[in-house]
Amino acid sequence: MKSNAARRGEIWYANTGGKRHAMVVVSLDQRNASERVSSILAVPFGSYGVEGPTTLRMEPGETGLREPSFLKAHFITTVEKSVLIERLPRMLSGLRMRELIAMVNRAIDPDAPYPG
């Protein structure tokens, strides 16, 4: 894998629409490191929200962001690798990644379980 490639679970700032936006990489590392694929899959953070089936509140100590933030799995998107501008020093834990992927599943599958 290329050493500068985004990795699954990393938190990055990306320049989306002229604005710096934090997001978590959720695509598989094989895709992330491929020179033949120009994009990754990512779930963005938002500055406000309410926890629910597809939204998770995360604290600054967990993310490295300045304020509490909300991961919003219902906004999963493709992001061009070329707009990734800064890798944050923290990654999501294995537990948080499993929670995030379950939220992505709930965003597309009405029968996906929600323990909340």
N, C-alpha and C. Protein backbone atom coordinates (compact mmCIF):
# COMPACT_ATOMS: atom_id res chain seq x y z
N MET A 1 0.85 -1.18 0.00
CA MET A 1 0.00 0.00 0.00
C MET A 1 0.89 1.24 0.00
N LYS A 2 0.47 2.24 -0.74
CA LYS A 2 1.21 3.50 -0.74
C LYS A 2 1.16 4.08 0.66
N SER A 3 2.29 4.61 1.14
CA SER A 3 2.36 5.10 2.52
C SER A 3 1.51 6.35 2.74
N ASN A 4 1.25 7.12 1.69
CA ASN A 4 0.46 8.33 1.86
C ASN A 4 -1.02 8.11 1.54
N ALA A 5 -1.40 6.88 1.23
CA ALA A 5 -2.79 6.58 0.91
C ALA A 5 -3.66 6.67 2.17
N ALA A 6 -4.88 7.14 1.97
CA ALA A 6 -5.85 7.14 3.08
C ALA A 6 -6.12 5.70 3.47
N ARG A 7 -6.38 5.48 4.75
CA ARG A 7 -6.66 4.13 5.24
C ARG A 7 -8.01 4.09 5.92
N ARG A 8 -8.65 2.95 5.85
CA ARG A 8 -9.95 2.73 6.48
C ARG A 8 -9.87 3.09 7.96
N GLY A 9 -10.81 3.91 8.43
CA GLY A 9 -10.86 4.31 9.82
C GLY A 9 -10.17 5.62 10.13
N GLU A 10 -9.37 6.13 9.18
CA GLU A 10 -8.70 7.40 9.40
C GLU A 10 -9.68 8.56 9.26
N ILE A 11 -9.38 9.62 10.00
CA ILE A 11 -10.16 10.86 9.91
C ILE A 11 -9.33 11.84 9.09
N TRP A 12 -9.95 12.41 8.06
CA TRP A 12 -9.29 13.34 7.15
C TRP A 12 -10.10 14.61 7.03
N TYR A 13 -9.40 15.69 6.74
CA TYR A 13 -10.06 16.89 6.23
C TYR A 13 -9.98 16.82 4.72
N ALA A 14 -11.09 17.16 4.08
CA ALA A 14 -11.15 17.22 2.62
C ALA A 14 -11.70 18.57 2.21
N ASN A 15 -11.26 19.06 1.08
CA ASN A 15 -11.75 20.32 0.55
C ASN A 15 -12.95 19.99 -0.34
N THR A 16 -14.14 20.05 0.23
CA THR A 16 -15.36 19.72 -0.51
C THR A 16 -16.15 20.99 -0.74
N GLY A 17 -16.32 21.34 -1.97
CA GLY A 17 -17.08 22.54 -2.30
C GLY A 17 -16.46 23.82 -1.78
N GLY A 18 -15.15 23.86 -1.72
CA GLY A 18 -14.47 25.05 -1.25
C GLY A 18 -14.42 25.18 0.26
N LYS A 19 -14.89 24.16 0.96
CA LYS A 19 -14.91 24.19 2.43
C LYS A 19 -14.18 22.97 2.97
N ARG A 20 -13.45 23.16 4.04
CA ARG A 20 -12.73 22.08 4.71
C ARG A 20 -13.73 21.28 5.54
N HIS A 21 -13.80 19.98 5.32
CA HIS A 21 -14.80 19.15 5.98
C HIS A 21 -14.15 17.87 6.50
N ALA A 22 -14.44 17.51 7.76
CA ALA A 22 -13.89 16.30 8.36
C ALA A 22 -14.73 15.09 7.97
N MET A 23 -14.05 13.96 7.73
CA MET A 23 -14.75 12.73 7.37
C MET A 23 -13.92 11.52 7.75
N VAL A 24 -14.60 10.37 7.83
CA VAL A 24 -13.94 9.10 8.14
C VAL A 24 -13.93 8.25 6.88
N VAL A 25 -12.78 7.69 6.56
CA VAL A 25 -12.65 6.79 5.41
C VAL A 25 -13.26 5.44 5.78
N VAL A 26 -14.19 4.95 4.95
CA VAL A 26 -14.82 3.66 5.22
C VAL A 26 -14.55 2.63 4.12
N SER A 27 -14.00 3.06 2.99
CA SER A 27 -13.72 2.11 1.91
C SER A 27 -12.57 1.19 2.31
N LEU A 28 -12.49 0.06 1.64
CA LEU A 28 -11.45 -0.93 1.93
C LEU A 28 -10.09 -0.41 1.48
N ASP A 29 -9.05 -0.78 2.21
CA ASP A 29 -7.71 -0.27 1.93
C ASP A 29 -7.21 -0.65 0.54
N GLN A 30 -7.66 -1.76 -0.01
CA GLN A 30 -7.26 -2.13 -1.37
C GLN A 30 -7.71 -1.04 -2.35
N ARG A 31 -8.92 -0.55 -2.18
CA ARG A 31 -9.41 0.55 -3.02
C ARG A 31 -8.64 1.83 -2.72
N ASN A 32 -8.46 2.12 -1.43
CA ASN A 32 -7.82 3.37 -1.03
C ASN A 32 -6.42 3.51 -1.60
N ALA A 33 -5.69 2.41 -1.68
CA ALA A 33 -4.30 2.44 -2.13
C ALA A 33 -4.16 2.28 -3.64
N SER A 34 -5.22 1.89 -4.31
CA SER A 34 -5.15 1.64 -5.75
C SER A 34 -4.89 2.92 -6.53
N GLU A 35 -3.94 2.85 -7.43
CA GLU A 35 -3.68 3.99 -8.30
C GLU A 35 -4.67 4.04 -9.46
N ARG A 36 -5.44 2.99 -9.63
CA ARG A 36 -6.44 2.93 -10.71
C ARG A 36 -7.79 3.48 -10.28
N VAL A 37 -7.97 3.69 -8.97
CA VAL A 37 -9.23 4.21 -8.45
C VAL A 37 -8.96 5.60 -7.88
N SER A 38 -9.71 6.60 -8.34
CA SER A 38 -9.41 7.98 -7.95
C SER A 38 -10.22 8.46 -6.75
N SER A 39 -11.09 7.60 -6.19
CA SER A 39 -11.94 8.05 -5.09
C SER A 39 -11.94 7.06 -3.94
N ILE A 40 -12.42 7.54 -2.80
CA ILE A 40 -12.63 6.71 -1.62
C ILE A 40 -14.09 6.84 -1.21
N LEU A 41 -14.53 5.99 -0.30
CA LEU A 41 -15.83 6.14 0.33
C LEU A 41 -15.60 6.73 1.71
N ALA A 42 -16.43 7.69 2.08
CA ALA A 42 -16.25 8.36 3.37
C ALA A 42 -17.59 8.75 3.96
N VAL A 43 -17.60 8.87 5.29
CA VAL A 43 -18.77 9.35 6.03
C VAL A 43 -18.37 10.66 6.69
N PRO A 44 -19.13 11.72 6.44
CA PRO A 44 -18.77 13.02 6.97
C PRO A 44 -19.20 13.23 8.41
N PHE A 45 -18.51 14.14 9.06
CA PHE A 45 -18.91 14.65 10.37
C PHE A 45 -19.75 15.90 10.15
N GLY A 46 -20.66 16.13 11.06
CA GLY A 46 -21.40 17.38 11.10
C GLY A 46 -21.23 18.00 12.47
N SER A 47 -21.47 19.29 12.57
CA SER A 47 -21.27 19.98 13.84
C SER A 47 -22.50 19.90 14.75
N TYR A 48 -23.61 19.44 14.23
CA TYR A 48 -24.81 19.29 15.05
C TYR A 48 -25.55 18.03 14.63
N GLY A 49 -26.45 17.61 15.48
CA GLY A 49 -27.25 16.42 15.19
C GLY A 49 -27.82 15.83 16.45
N VAL A 50 -28.50 14.73 16.27
CA VAL A 50 -29.09 13.97 17.37
C VAL A 50 -28.74 12.51 17.10
N GLU A 51 -28.25 11.81 18.13
CA GLU A 51 -27.93 10.40 17.93
C GLU A 51 -29.17 9.64 17.51
N GLY A 52 -28.97 8.71 16.60
CA GLY A 52 -30.07 7.90 16.10
C GLY A 52 -29.52 6.74 15.29
N PRO A 53 -30.37 6.08 14.51
CA PRO A 53 -29.94 4.89 13.77
C PRO A 53 -28.76 5.11 12.83
N THR A 54 -28.62 6.33 12.30
CA THR A 54 -27.54 6.60 11.34
C THR A 54 -26.66 7.77 11.75
N THR A 55 -26.76 8.21 13.00
CA THR A 55 -25.97 9.35 13.49
C THR A 55 -25.33 8.98 14.83
N LEU A 56 -24.05 9.30 14.97
CA LEU A 56 -23.30 8.98 16.19
C LEU A 56 -22.55 10.21 16.67
N ARG A 57 -22.79 10.60 17.91
CA ARG A 57 -22.04 11.72 18.51
C ARG A 57 -20.68 11.20 18.97
N MET A 58 -19.65 11.99 18.63
CA MET A 58 -18.29 11.64 19.04
C MET A 58 -17.64 12.85 19.68
N GLU A 59 -16.87 12.60 20.72
CA GLU A 59 -16.22 13.64 21.50
C GLU A 59 -14.84 13.97 20.93
N PRO A 60 -14.35 15.20 21.20
CA PRO A 60 -13.04 15.62 20.68
C PRO A 60 -11.90 14.67 21.04
N GLY A 61 -11.91 14.10 22.23
CA GLY A 61 -10.84 13.20 22.64
C GLY A 61 -10.77 11.93 21.80
N GLU A 62 -11.88 11.59 21.18
CA GLU A 62 -11.94 10.40 20.34
C GLU A 62 -11.58 10.69 18.89
N THR A 63 -11.85 11.92 18.44
CA THR A 63 -11.68 12.24 17.03
C THR A 63 -10.48 13.13 16.74
N GLY A 64 -10.09 13.95 17.70
CA GLY A 64 -9.07 14.96 17.45
C GLY A 64 -9.65 16.25 16.90
N LEU A 65 -10.95 16.28 16.70
CA LEU A 65 -11.61 17.52 16.25
C LEU A 65 -11.78 18.45 17.45
N ARG A 66 -12.01 19.71 17.21
CA ARG A 66 -12.06 20.70 18.29
C ARG A 66 -13.31 20.62 19.14
N GLU A 67 -14.41 20.17 18.56
CA GLU A 67 -15.69 20.16 19.27
C GLU A 67 -16.36 18.80 19.10
N PRO A 68 -17.37 18.52 19.93
CA PRO A 68 -18.16 17.31 19.68
C PRO A 68 -18.70 17.35 18.26
N SER A 69 -18.73 16.20 17.61
CA SER A 69 -19.17 16.12 16.23
C SER A 69 -20.06 14.91 16.04
N PHE A 70 -20.82 14.93 14.97
CA PHE A 70 -21.76 13.85 14.68
C PHE A 70 -21.40 13.19 13.36
N LEU A 71 -21.09 11.88 13.43
CA LEU A 71 -20.90 11.12 12.20
C LEU A 71 -22.28 10.86 11.62
N LYS A 72 -22.43 11.10 10.33
CA LYS A 72 -23.74 10.99 9.69
C LYS A 72 -23.65 9.99 8.54
N ALA A 73 -23.93 8.71 8.89
CA ALA A 73 -23.77 7.62 7.93
C ALA A 73 -24.73 7.72 6.76
N HIS A 74 -25.85 8.40 6.94
CA HIS A 74 -26.80 8.55 5.83
C HIS A 74 -26.27 9.49 4.75
N PHE A 75 -25.13 10.13 5.00
CA PHE A 75 -24.49 10.97 3.99
C PHE A 75 -23.23 10.33 3.42
N ILE A 76 -23.12 8.99 3.49
CA ILE A 76 -21.94 8.32 2.91
C ILE A 76 -21.79 8.79 1.47
N THR A 77 -20.53 9.01 1.07
CA THR A 77 -20.28 9.60 -0.23
C THR A 77 -18.96 9.12 -0.80
N THR A 78 -18.79 9.34 -2.09
CA THR A 78 -17.47 9.14 -2.70
C THR A 78 -16.75 10.48 -2.68
N VAL A 79 -15.47 10.42 -2.43
CA VAL A 79 -14.63 11.62 -2.36
C VAL A 79 -13.39 11.37 -3.20
N GLU A 80 -13.09 12.29 -4.06
CA GLU A 80 -11.87 12.18 -4.85
C GLU A 80 -10.65 12.25 -3.93
N LYS A 81 -9.71 11.36 -4.15
CA LYS A 81 -8.50 11.34 -3.33
C LYS A 81 -7.76 12.68 -3.41
N SER A 82 -7.89 13.35 -4.54
CA SER A 82 -7.17 14.61 -4.74
C SER A 82 -7.65 15.73 -3.83
N VAL A 83 -8.84 15.61 -3.22
CA VAL A 83 -9.34 16.68 -2.34
C VAL A 83 -9.02 16.41 -0.87
N LEU A 84 -8.41 15.26 -0.57
CA LEU A 84 -7.98 15.00 0.81
C LEU A 84 -6.80 15.89 1.12
N ILE A 85 -6.92 16.70 2.18
CA ILE A 85 -5.87 17.68 2.42
C ILE A 85 -5.09 17.47 3.72
N GLU A 86 -5.69 16.82 4.70
CA GLU A 86 -4.97 16.65 5.96
C GLU A 86 -5.49 15.44 6.72
N ARG A 87 -4.57 14.55 7.09
CA ARG A 87 -4.90 13.38 7.89
C ARG A 87 -4.78 13.78 9.36
N LEU A 88 -5.82 13.52 10.14
CA LEU A 88 -5.76 13.80 11.57
C LEU A 88 -5.00 12.67 12.26
N PRO A 89 -4.42 12.93 13.42
CA PRO A 89 -3.59 11.91 14.07
C PRO A 89 -4.37 10.73 14.66
N ARG A 90 -5.66 10.86 14.84
CA ARG A 90 -6.43 9.77 15.43
C ARG A 90 -7.20 8.99 14.38
N MET A 91 -7.40 7.70 14.67
CA MET A 91 -8.24 6.83 13.85
C MET A 91 -9.42 6.38 14.71
N LEU A 92 -10.48 5.96 14.07
CA LEU A 92 -11.58 5.36 14.82
C LEU A 92 -11.13 4.00 15.35
N SER A 93 -11.57 3.66 16.53
CA SER A 93 -11.26 2.34 17.10
C SER A 93 -12.02 1.27 16.31
N GLY A 94 -11.63 0.02 16.51
CA GLY A 94 -12.33 -1.09 15.87
C GLY A 94 -13.80 -1.11 16.23
N LEU A 95 -14.11 -0.84 17.52
CA LEU A 95 -15.50 -0.81 17.96
C LEU A 95 -16.27 0.29 17.26
N ARG A 96 -15.70 1.48 17.18
CA ARG A 96 -16.39 2.60 16.53
C ARG A 96 -16.57 2.34 15.03
N MET A 97 -15.59 1.68 14.39
CA MET A 97 -15.74 1.35 12.96
C MET A 97 -16.89 0.36 12.77
N ARG A 98 -17.01 -0.63 13.65
CA ARG A 98 -18.14 -1.58 13.54
C ARG A 98 -19.46 -0.85 13.70
N GLU A 99 -19.51 0.10 14.66
CA GLU A 99 -20.73 0.89 14.84
C GLU A 99 -21.04 1.72 13.60
N LEU A 100 -20.01 2.32 13.01
CA LEU A 100 -20.20 3.15 11.84
C LEU A 100 -20.71 2.31 10.65
N ILE A 101 -20.11 1.17 10.43
CA ILE A 101 -20.54 0.32 9.31
C ILE A 101 -21.97 -0.17 9.53
N ALA A 102 -22.34 -0.47 10.78
CA ALA A 102 -23.74 -0.85 11.08
C ALA A 102 -24.67 0.32 10.75
N MET A 103 -24.23 1.55 11.02
CA MET A 103 -25.05 2.72 10.71
C MET A 103 -25.20 2.89 9.19
N VAL A 104 -24.14 2.64 8.44
CA VAL A 104 -24.22 2.70 6.97
C VAL A 104 -25.24 1.66 6.49
N ASN A 105 -25.16 0.46 7.06
CA ASN A 105 -26.13 -0.58 6.68
C ASN A 105 -27.56 -0.13 6.97
N ARG A 106 -27.77 0.49 8.12
CA ARG A 106 -29.12 0.96 8.46
C ARG A 106 -29.59 2.07 7.52
N ALA A 107 -28.65 2.84 6.97
CA ALA A 107 -29.01 3.91 6.06
C ALA A 107 -29.55 3.38 4.73
N ILE A 108 -29.20 2.13 4.39
CA ILE A 108 -29.65 1.58 3.10
C ILE A 108 -30.55 0.36 3.24
N ASP A 109 -30.66 -0.19 4.44
CA ASP A 109 -31.46 -1.40 4.64
C ASP A 109 -32.47 -1.17 5.76
N PRO A 110 -33.75 -1.06 5.42
CA PRO A 110 -34.75 -0.79 6.45
C PRO A 110 -34.90 -1.91 7.47
N ASP A 111 -34.38 -3.10 7.15
CA ASP A 111 -34.48 -4.24 8.07
C ASP A 111 -33.22 -4.43 8.91
N ALA A 112 -32.22 -3.58 8.74
CA ALA A 112 -30.99 -3.70 9.53
C ALA A 112 -31.31 -3.42 10.99
N PRO A 113 -30.76 -4.23 11.89
CA PRO A 113 -31.10 -4.07 13.32
C PRO A 113 -30.59 -2.76 13.90
N TYR A 114 -31.37 -2.21 14.79
CA TYR A 114 -30.99 -1.02 15.54
C TYR A 114 -31.31 -1.26 17.01
N PRO A 115 -30.27 -1.42 17.83
CA PRO A 115 -30.49 -1.75 19.25
C PRO A 115 -31.00 -0.57 20.07
N GLY A 116 -30.98 0.64 19.51
CA GLY A 116 -31.35 1.85 20.27
C GLY A 116 -32.77 1.86 20.64
